[in-house]
């Protein structure tokens, strides 16, 4: 589910884990309800600040144990998607991230959403970056925008 961003695996887990457990998790971590018991996670309403809470509790190991938090971040660093945040940093830089893509068809127009959020493990100063997009452009164009934002952020952090 994490490495391949597999929504089928997510659906399977959603059938196994009680909705009340997931709702409690989201409420604990995000401090507000983004979970709809009828429709799983309502991703349309999650924002960059809320995503940052999930990464912060993993990075600081404030919700899970140190070992489980590290295991989760390791999985996130093995994500197979490399065209967004990862493309904007030097080769070999560890990036623990989660991406998501949704295509919305409205008559003949397709609106694309592409999001990539994560921790870039800069050797002097790890930082969190989250880019969420909504566009009528193509995915390769949107990926290029995310890459450029990632590159600019890395260059800024590297110069500090």
Foldseek 3Di string as FASTA:
>chain_A
DQQALDVVVVVVVPVVDQLVVVQVVLCVQQVDGQADNVPGGNVVPDDPVSVVSVQVCLVVVVPHHVVVSVVLQVSQQNRPDCLALNLQDDPPWGWRKGKDWDWDDDPPQIKIKIKIWTWTPDVVDIDIDIDIDIGSDDPNVVSVVRSVVSNVVVVVVVVD
